Amino acid sequence: MNDLKDNFIISEAGSDNSLIAAPGKPDGKNIILLKSAVPGKNYLVEKIIGGHGINGRLNAMGIVPKEVITVVFQTWGGPLTIAVKGVRIALGRGITHKIEVSELSSG
């Protein structure tokens, strides 16, 4: 049986950092947080959830919406290593909770 929560993602909204449920499959895309990504797969950055500081930091690393990234390595609770524009970058777990991605088809 299809679980209703599978059709939604949780996203921060407003200045009070409250959480809202938003449809998780716009345009047929399955959007997930980067923390849940699988090593060896390519993903498209859909959205960065955060303010100017985190957006500026990720922008400086080349992690921006519509950019393709590859998850290289992931450990339980440790940093997640991605490849973006030919460079490997290790991201802490906190920041991976703020990046929404969609999986690119392998075909």
Protein backbone atom coordinates (compact mmCIF):
# COMPACT_ATOMS: atom_id res chain seq x y z
CA MET A 1 0.00 0.00 0.00
CA ASN A 2 1.31 3.45 -0.94
CA ASP A 3 2.10 5.49 2.13
CA LEU A 4 0.86 9.09 1.96
CA LYS A 5 4.10 10.49 3.40
CA ASP A 6 6.00 9.11 0.35
CA ASN A 7 4.27 11.75 -1.77
CA PHE A 8 5.56 14.71 0.26
CA ILE A 9 8.83 16.27 1.33
CA ILE A 10 9.39 18.37 4.41
CA SER A 11 10.76 21.83 3.74
CA GLU A 12 11.64 24.84 5.89
CA ALA A 13 9.43 27.84 5.37
CA GLY A 14 9.23 31.33 6.72
CA SER A 15 11.53 33.21 9.02
CA ASP A 16 10.46 31.20 12.05
CA ASN A 17 12.05 27.99 10.61
CA SER A 18 8.74 26.13 10.82
CA LEU A 19 8.37 23.03 8.69
CA ILE A 20 5.76 22.50 6.01
CA ALA A 21 4.81 19.53 3.87
CA ALA A 22 5.06 20.21 0.14
CA PRO A 23 4.35 17.92 -2.79
CA GLY A 24 7.56 15.96 -3.34
CA LYS A 25 7.16 15.09 -6.98
CA PRO A 26 6.82 18.25 -9.08
CA ASP A 27 7.20 17.59 -12.82
CA GLY A 28 7.48 13.85 -12.11
CA LYS A 29 10.76 14.30 -10.20
CA ASN A 30 11.43 12.44 -6.98
CA ILE A 31 13.14 15.05 -4.82
CA ILE A 32 15.20 13.90 -1.84
CA LEU A 33 17.68 15.46 0.53
CA LEU A 34 21.33 14.94 -0.37
CA LYS A 35 21.84 13.06 2.91
CA SER A 36 19.74 10.21 1.45
CA ALA A 37 21.60 10.00 -1.86
CA VAL A 38 23.21 6.74 -2.99
CA PRO A 39 26.94 6.58 -3.84
CA GLY A 40 27.71 6.16 -7.54
CA LYS A 41 24.59 7.95 -8.78
CA ASN A 42 24.25 11.33 -10.46
CA TYR A 43 21.88 13.94 -9.07
CA LEU A 44 20.62 17.35 -10.14
CA VAL A 45 20.64 20.02 -7.44
CA GLU A 46 17.06 21.28 -7.23
CA LYS A 47 17.06 23.66 -4.29
CA ILE A 48 19.21 24.85 -1.41
CA ILE A 49 17.25 25.39 1.80
CA GLY A 50 18.94 28.16 3.71
CA GLY A 51 19.93 31.77 3.96
CA HIS A 52 22.61 33.90 2.38
CA GLY A 53 25.45 32.31 4.32
CA ILE A 54 24.89 28.71 3.25
CA ASN A 55 23.94 29.72 -0.29
CA GLY A 56 27.12 31.77 -0.62
CA ARG A 57 29.30 28.98 0.76
CA LEU A 58 27.81 26.34 -1.56
CA ASN A 59 27.93 28.73 -4.52
CA ALA A 60 31.67 29.22 -3.95
CA MET A 61 32.09 25.43 -4.17
CA GLY A 62 30.06 25.23 -7.40
CA ILE A 63 27.03 23.62 -5.76
CA VAL A 64 24.12 25.60 -7.22
CA PRO A 65 20.64 24.72 -8.48
CA LYS A 66 20.60 22.94 -11.87
CA GLU A 67 24.17 21.63 -11.33
CA VAL A 68 24.89 17.90 -11.72
CA ILE A 69 26.68 16.24 -8.82
CA THR A 70 27.83 12.67 -8.22
CA VAL A 71 27.85 11.08 -4.78
CA VAL A 72 31.28 9.47 -4.40
CA PHE A 73 31.37 8.19 -0.83
CA GLN A 74 29.07 8.13 2.18
CA THR A 75 29.58 6.85 5.73
CA TRP A 76 27.24 6.47 8.68
CA GLY A 77 27.20 9.84 10.38
CA GLY A 78 30.38 11.16 8.75
CA PRO A 79 30.93 13.48 5.84
CA LEU A 80 29.46 12.82 2.40
CA THR A 81 31.87 13.14 -0.53
CA ILE A 82 30.54 14.45 -3.83
CA ALA A 83 32.06 15.30 -7.19
CA VAL A 84 31.02 18.56 -8.83
CA LYS A 85 32.68 20.04 -11.93
CA GLY A 86 35.50 17.48 -11.65
CA VAL A 87 36.35 18.33 -8.03
CA ARG A 88 35.69 16.15 -4.98
CA ILE A 89 34.20 17.91 -1.99
CA ALA A 90 33.43 16.53 1.47
CA LEU A 91 30.26 17.95 3.01
CA GLY A 92 29.27 17.62 6.65
CA ARG A 93 25.97 15.96 7.54
CA GLY A 94 24.31 19.23 8.56
CA ILE A 95 24.77 20.81 5.17
CA THR A 96 23.53 17.68 3.34
CA HIS A 97 20.18 18.17 5.09
CA LYS A 98 19.81 21.52 3.32
CA ILE A 99 20.35 20.42 -0.30
CA GLU A 100 17.43 18.99 -2.27
CA VAL A 101 18.35 16.84 -5.28
CA SER A 102 16.62 14.67 -7.88
CA GLU A 103 18.16 11.56 -9.38
CA LEU A 104 19.18 11.75 -13.01
CA SER A 105 18.13 8.83 -15.19
CA SER A 106 21.07 6.62 -16.11
CA GLY A 107 19.89 6.32 -19.71
